[in-house]
């Protein structure tokens, strides 16, 4: 695996609503685009862990 390749979404779990970013959370979509959409729409990034070429990020939005 190429560590320099753009990161992509492998799996996403949504509890509640991720609107208007839901389409960007589909498998194969670019992580950076999804993260920017979430942050621009009131989500806060709680954690991000890099695990070699993989990683986990958690975003939360409170109403």
N, C-alpha and C. Protein backbone atom coordinates (compact mmCIF):
# COMPACT_ATOMS: atom_id res chain seq x y z
N UNK A 1 0.84 -1.18 0.00
CA UNK A 1 0.00 0.00 0.00
C UNK A 1 0.88 1.25 0.00
N UNK A 2 0.45 2.24 -0.71
CA UNK A 2 1.20 3.48 -0.85
C UNK A 2 0.78 4.46 0.24
N UNK A 3 1.70 4.79 1.14
CA UNK A 3 1.39 5.72 2.23
C UNK A 3 1.12 7.14 1.73
N UNK A 4 1.56 7.45 0.51
CA UNK A 4 1.37 8.79 -0.05
C UNK A 4 0.04 8.92 -0.80
N UNK A 5 -0.64 7.82 -1.04
CA UNK A 5 -1.91 7.86 -1.75
C UNK A 5 -2.96 8.57 -0.90
N UNK A 6 -3.90 9.27 -1.54
CA UNK A 6 -4.96 9.94 -0.78
C UNK A 6 -5.75 8.93 0.05
N UNK A 7 -6.06 9.30 1.28
CA UNK A 7 -6.86 8.42 2.14
C UNK A 7 -8.30 8.39 1.65
N UNK A 8 -8.91 7.22 1.72
CA UNK A 8 -10.30 7.07 1.31
C UNK A 8 -11.11 6.44 2.43
N UNK A 9 -12.42 6.63 2.36
CA UNK A 9 -13.34 6.04 3.32
C UNK A 9 -13.45 4.55 3.02
N UNK A 10 -13.26 3.73 4.04
CA UNK A 10 -13.44 2.29 3.91
C UNK A 10 -14.78 1.90 4.51
N UNK A 11 -15.10 2.49 5.64
CA UNK A 11 -16.37 2.20 6.32
C UNK A 11 -16.75 3.40 7.16
N UNK A 12 -18.04 3.70 7.23
CA UNK A 12 -18.53 4.80 8.06
C UNK A 12 -19.79 4.35 8.78
N UNK A 13 -19.88 4.70 10.03
CA UNK A 13 -21.08 4.43 10.82
C UNK A 13 -21.66 5.77 11.25
N UNK A 14 -22.93 5.99 10.97
CA UNK A 14 -23.59 7.24 11.31
C UNK A 14 -24.70 6.93 12.31
N UNK A 15 -24.68 7.63 13.42
CA UNK A 15 -25.76 7.53 14.40
C UNK A 15 -26.47 8.87 14.34
N UNK A 16 -27.71 8.87 13.90
CA UNK A 16 -28.42 10.12 13.69
C UNK A 16 -28.32 10.54 12.24
N UNK A 17 -27.86 11.76 12.00
CA UNK A 17 -27.79 12.29 10.64
C UNK A 17 -26.43 12.91 10.37
N UNK A 18 -25.91 12.69 9.18
CA UNK A 18 -24.67 13.32 8.74
C UNK A 18 -24.95 14.30 7.60
N UNK A 19 -26.22 14.66 7.41
CA UNK A 19 -26.58 15.59 6.33
C UNK A 19 -25.85 16.90 6.50
N UNK A 20 -25.38 17.48 5.44
CA UNK A 20 -25.49 17.11 4.04
C UNK A 20 -24.30 16.31 3.52
N UNK A 21 -23.57 15.66 4.41
CA UNK A 21 -22.31 15.00 4.04
C UNK A 21 -22.42 13.50 3.82
N UNK A 22 -23.59 12.94 3.95
CA UNK A 22 -23.76 11.49 3.88
C UNK A 22 -23.19 10.84 2.63
N UNK A 23 -23.35 11.49 1.49
CA UNK A 23 -22.86 10.91 0.22
C UNK A 23 -21.35 10.82 0.20
N UNK A 24 -20.66 11.67 0.98
CA UNK A 24 -19.20 11.66 1.01
C UNK A 24 -18.65 10.59 1.95
N UNK A 25 -19.53 9.94 2.70
CA UNK A 25 -19.10 8.90 3.65
C UNK A 25 -19.17 7.50 3.04
N UNK A 26 -19.45 7.42 1.77
CA UNK A 26 -19.53 6.12 1.09
C UNK A 26 -18.14 5.55 0.84
N UNK A 27 -18.07 4.24 0.81
CA UNK A 27 -16.80 3.55 0.57
C UNK A 27 -16.15 4.06 -0.72
N UNK A 28 -14.86 4.37 -0.63
CA UNK A 28 -14.10 4.83 -1.79
C UNK A 28 -14.02 6.33 -1.95
N UNK A 29 -14.86 7.07 -1.21
CA UNK A 29 -14.80 8.54 -1.28
C UNK A 29 -13.56 9.04 -0.55
N UNK A 30 -13.10 10.22 -0.90
CA UNK A 30 -11.90 10.78 -0.26
C UNK A 30 -12.20 11.22 1.17
N UNK A 31 -11.33 10.80 2.08
CA UNK A 31 -11.47 11.15 3.49
C UNK A 31 -11.43 12.67 3.68
N UNK A 32 -10.50 13.33 3.02
CA UNK A 32 -10.33 14.77 3.21
C UNK A 32 -11.61 15.53 2.86
N UNK A 33 -12.26 15.16 1.77
CA UNK A 33 -13.51 15.83 1.36
C UNK A 33 -14.60 15.60 2.40
N UNK A 34 -14.71 14.37 2.88
CA UNK A 34 -15.72 14.06 3.90
C UNK A 34 -15.44 14.82 5.18
N UNK A 35 -14.18 14.84 5.62
CA UNK A 35 -13.82 15.54 6.86
C UNK A 35 -14.11 17.03 6.75
N UNK A 36 -13.75 17.65 5.63
CA UNK A 36 -14.02 19.08 5.46
C UNK A 36 -15.52 19.36 5.48
N UNK A 37 -16.30 18.52 4.83
CA UNK A 37 -17.75 18.70 4.82
C UNK A 37 -18.31 18.61 6.24
N UNK A 38 -17.89 17.60 6.98
CA UNK A 38 -18.38 17.44 8.34
C UNK A 38 -18.01 18.65 9.20
N UNK A 39 -16.76 19.08 9.14
CA UNK A 39 -16.30 20.22 9.94
C UNK A 39 -17.02 21.50 9.54
N UNK A 40 -17.28 21.69 8.26
CA UNK A 40 -17.98 22.89 7.77
C UNK A 40 -19.45 22.90 8.14
N UNK A 41 -19.98 21.75 8.58
CA UNK A 41 -21.40 21.64 8.89
C UNK A 41 -21.66 21.34 10.36
N UNK A 42 -20.79 21.84 11.22
CA UNK A 42 -21.05 21.80 12.65
C UNK A 42 -20.52 20.61 13.41
N UNK A 43 -19.82 19.71 12.74
CA UNK A 43 -19.23 18.57 13.43
C UNK A 43 -17.90 18.98 14.04
N UNK A 44 -17.54 18.33 15.12
CA UNK A 44 -16.25 18.50 15.75
C UNK A 44 -15.51 17.17 15.67
N UNK A 45 -14.24 17.22 15.31
CA UNK A 45 -13.45 15.99 15.27
C UNK A 45 -12.97 15.70 16.69
N UNK A 46 -13.43 14.57 17.24
CA UNK A 46 -13.11 14.19 18.61
C UNK A 46 -11.77 13.48 18.70
N UNK A 47 -11.49 12.62 17.75
CA UNK A 47 -10.23 11.88 17.76
C UNK A 47 -9.87 11.44 16.35
N UNK A 48 -8.60 11.23 16.14
CA UNK A 48 -8.11 10.68 14.87
C UNK A 48 -6.87 9.86 15.20
N UNK A 49 -6.88 8.60 14.85
CA UNK A 49 -5.77 7.69 15.12
C UNK A 49 -5.27 7.12 13.81
N UNK A 50 -3.98 7.18 13.58
CA UNK A 50 -3.37 6.55 12.41
C UNK A 50 -2.85 5.19 12.83
N UNK A 51 -3.21 4.18 12.06
CA UNK A 51 -2.80 2.81 12.34
C UNK A 51 -2.11 2.26 11.09
N UNK A 52 -0.87 2.67 10.87
CA UNK A 52 -0.19 2.30 9.64
C UNK A 52 -0.84 2.99 8.47
N UNK A 53 -1.27 2.23 7.47
CA UNK A 53 -1.94 2.82 6.32
C UNK A 53 -3.43 3.03 6.58
N UNK A 54 -3.91 2.55 7.71
CA UNK A 54 -5.31 2.71 8.08
C UNK A 54 -5.45 3.77 9.16
N UNK A 55 -6.67 4.13 9.48
CA UNK A 55 -6.90 5.10 10.54
C UNK A 55 -8.36 5.11 10.93
N UNK A 56 -8.62 5.78 12.05
CA UNK A 56 -9.98 5.91 12.57
C UNK A 56 -10.17 7.37 12.97
N UNK A 57 -11.28 7.95 12.59
CA UNK A 57 -11.61 9.31 12.99
C UNK A 57 -13.04 9.33 13.51
N UNK A 58 -13.28 10.13 14.55
CA UNK A 58 -14.62 10.24 15.14
C UNK A 58 -15.03 11.71 15.09
N UNK A 59 -16.22 11.95 14.53
CA UNK A 59 -16.78 13.30 14.44
C UNK A 59 -18.11 13.31 15.18
N UNK A 60 -18.40 14.40 15.90
CA UNK A 60 -19.64 14.52 16.66
C UNK A 60 -20.26 15.90 16.39
N UNK A 61 -21.58 15.91 16.26
CA UNK A 61 -22.31 17.18 16.13
C UNK A 61 -23.45 17.15 17.13
N UNK A 62 -23.55 18.20 17.92
CA UNK A 62 -24.64 18.30 18.90
C UNK A 62 -25.63 19.35 18.42
N UNK A 63 -26.90 19.07 18.62
CA UNK A 63 -27.94 20.03 18.23
C UNK A 63 -28.37 20.82 19.41
